[in-house]
């Protein structure tokens, strides 16, 4: 497993939750990228890495696709389920 070279950013709140859900499903970034492309979204490895590292924003379309692919709710990716529990 490679370590993150850059410090975490502050551009989104979903990045760590996307990374956690991806790892829970046993997906590598390449595999998630392939599923995003099948979903009709063209994101490269740098874009996903920056999203997970909170260095870039996630669009609403990306957020919905990630929730579908990772089989989690958008609320979970936004951290709302933890707050409501």
C-alpha atoms as a PDB file:
ATOM      1  CA  UNK A   1       0.000   0.000   0.000  1.00  0.00           C
ATOM      2  CA  UNK A   2       1.364   3.385  -0.980  1.00  0.00           C
ATOM      3  CA  UNK A   3       1.352   6.228   1.474  1.00  0.00           C
ATOM      4  CA  UNK A   4      -0.154   9.580   0.587  1.00  0.00           C
ATOM      5  CA  UNK A   5       2.526  12.034  -0.500  1.00  0.00           C
ATOM      6  CA  UNK A   6       0.461  15.184   0.030  1.00  0.00           C
ATOM      7  CA  UNK A   7      -1.224  16.316   3.210  1.00  0.00           C
ATOM      8  CA  UNK A   8      -5.006  16.095   3.282  1.00  0.00           C
ATOM      9  CA  UNK A   9      -6.776  19.128   1.938  1.00  0.00           C
ATOM     10  CA  UNK A  10     -10.029  20.837   2.878  1.00  0.00           C
ATOM     11  CA  UNK A  11     -11.843  20.975  -0.473  1.00  0.00           C
ATOM     12  CA  UNK A  12     -14.499  18.356   0.346  1.00  0.00           C
ATOM     13  CA  UNK A  13     -15.915  16.273   3.169  1.00  0.00           C
ATOM     14  CA  UNK A  14     -16.599  13.143   1.133  1.00  0.00           C
ATOM     15  CA  UNK A  15     -13.037  12.146   0.258  1.00  0.00           C
ATOM     16  CA  UNK A  16     -12.190  10.108   3.361  1.00  0.00           C
ATOM     17  CA  UNK A  17     -15.590   8.413   3.275  1.00  0.00           C
ATOM     18  CA  UNK A  18     -15.186   7.515  -0.406  1.00  0.00           C
ATOM     19  CA  UNK A  19     -11.788   6.010   0.381  1.00  0.00           C
ATOM     20  CA  UNK A  20     -13.175   4.094   3.365  1.00  0.00           C
ATOM     21  CA  UNK A  21     -16.150   2.715   1.391  1.00  0.00           C
ATOM     22  CA  UNK A  22     -13.871   1.767  -1.517  1.00  0.00           C
ATOM     23  CA  UNK A  23     -11.559  -0.145   0.807  1.00  0.00           C
ATOM     24  CA  UNK A  24     -14.502  -1.821   2.571  1.00  0.00           C
ATOM     25  CA  UNK A  25     -15.592  -3.168  -0.821  1.00  0.00           C
ATOM     26  CA  UNK A  26     -12.037  -4.336  -1.505  1.00  0.00           C
ATOM     27  CA  UNK A  27     -11.666  -2.101  -4.546  1.00  0.00           C
ATOM     28  CA  UNK A  28      -8.434  -0.566  -5.725  1.00  0.00           C
ATOM     29  CA  UNK A  29      -8.550   2.925  -7.184  1.00  0.00           C
ATOM     30  CA  UNK A  30      -8.094   1.498 -10.702  1.00  0.00           C
ATOM     31  CA  UNK A  31     -11.118  -0.743 -10.238  1.00  0.00           C
ATOM     32  CA  UNK A  32     -13.263   2.132  -8.979  1.00  0.00           C
ATOM     33  CA  UNK A  33     -12.133   4.265 -11.913  1.00  0.00           C
ATOM     34  CA  UNK A  34     -13.162   1.521 -14.348  1.00  0.00           C
ATOM     35  CA  UNK A  35     -16.610   1.390 -12.748  1.00  0.00           C
ATOM     36  CA  UNK A  36     -16.919   5.179 -12.891  1.00  0.00           C
ATOM     37  CA  UNK A  37     -16.066   5.058 -16.603  1.00  0.00           C
ATOM     38  CA  UNK A  38     -18.690   2.353 -17.147  1.00  0.00           C
ATOM     39  CA  UNK A  39     -21.082   4.691 -15.349  1.00  0.00           C
ATOM     40  CA  UNK A  40     -20.268   7.397 -17.905  1.00  0.00           C
ATOM     41  CA  UNK A  41     -17.875   9.504 -15.826  1.00  0.00           C
ATOM     42  CA  UNK A  42     -14.375  10.113 -17.068  1.00  0.00           C
ATOM     43  CA  UNK A  43     -12.163  10.553 -14.029  1.00  0.00           C
ATOM     44  CA  UNK A  44      -8.450   9.797 -14.065  1.00  0.00           C
ATOM     45  CA  UNK A  45      -6.351   8.346 -11.248  1.00  0.00           C
ATOM     46  CA  UNK A  46      -5.046  11.765 -10.278  1.00  0.00           C
ATOM     47  CA  UNK A  47      -8.593  13.104  -9.991  1.00  0.00           C
ATOM     48  CA  UNK A  48      -9.707  10.238  -7.765  1.00  0.00           C
ATOM     49  CA  UNK A  49      -6.615  10.506  -5.621  1.00  0.00           C
ATOM     50  CA  UNK A  50      -7.179  14.240  -5.196  1.00  0.00           C
ATOM     51  CA  UNK A  51     -10.853  13.688  -4.408  1.00  0.00           C
ATOM     52  CA  UNK A  52     -10.008  11.091  -1.739  1.00  0.00           C
ATOM     53  CA  UNK A  53      -7.279  13.385  -0.416  1.00  0.00           C
ATOM     54  CA  UNK A  54      -9.720  16.299  -0.177  1.00  0.00           C
ATOM     55  CA  UNK A  55      -7.723  18.313  -2.704  1.00  0.00           C
ATOM     56  CA  UNK A  56     -10.540  18.658  -5.251  1.00  0.00           C
ATOM     57  CA  UNK A  57     -14.291  19.073  -5.075  1.00  0.00           C
ATOM     58  CA  UNK A  58     -16.717  16.328  -5.983  1.00  0.00           C
ATOM     59  CA  UNK A  59     -19.515  17.246  -8.358  1.00  0.00           C
ATOM     60  CA  UNK A  60     -23.072  16.224  -7.615  1.00  0.00           C
ATOM     61  CA  UNK A  61     -22.955  13.768 -10.522  1.00  0.00           C
ATOM     62  CA  UNK A  62     -19.752  12.205  -9.185  1.00  0.00           C
ATOM     63  CA  UNK A  63     -21.219  12.002  -5.701  1.00  0.00           C
ATOM     64  CA  UNK A  64     -24.317  10.172  -6.935  1.00  0.00           C
ATOM     65  CA  UNK A  65     -22.242   7.776  -9.058  1.00  0.00           C
ATOM     66  CA  UNK A  66     -19.825   7.033  -6.223  1.00  0.00           C
ATOM     67  CA  UNK A  67     -22.712   6.306  -3.855  1.00  0.00           C
ATOM     68  CA  UNK A  68     -24.285   3.920  -6.390  1.00  0.00           C
ATOM     69  CA  UNK A  69     -21.033   2.142  -7.213  1.00  0.00           C
ATOM     70  CA  UNK A  70     -19.890   1.857  -3.605  1.00  0.00           C
ATOM     71  CA  UNK A  71     -23.401   0.802  -2.533  1.00  0.00           C
ATOM     72  CA  UNK A  72     -23.686   3.478   0.138  1.00  0.00           C
ATOM     73  CA  UNK A  73     -26.011   6.412   0.554  1.00  0.00           C
ATOM     74  CA  UNK A  74     -25.104   9.934  -0.410  1.00  0.00           C
ATOM     75  CA  UNK A  75     -25.853  10.792   3.221  1.00  0.00           C
ATOM     76  CA  UNK A  76     -23.129   8.399   4.346  1.00  0.00           C
ATOM     77  CA  UNK A  77     -20.634  10.023   1.978  1.00  0.00           C
ATOM     78  CA  UNK A  78     -21.642  13.416   3.365  1.00  0.00           C
ATOM     79  CA  UNK A  79     -21.238  12.212   6.949  1.00  0.00           C
ATOM     80  CA  UNK A  80     -24.888  12.641   7.787  1.00  0.00           C
ATOM     81  CA  UNK A  81     -25.517   9.054   8.926  1.00  0.00           C
ATOM     82  CA  UNK A  82     -22.909   9.319  11.677  1.00  0.00           C
ATOM     83  CA  UNK A  83     -24.486  12.534  12.918  1.00  0.00           C
ATOM     84  CA  UNK A  84     -28.021  11.066  12.902  1.00  0.00           C
ATOM     85  CA  UNK A  85     -27.076   7.780  14.576  1.00  0.00           C
END
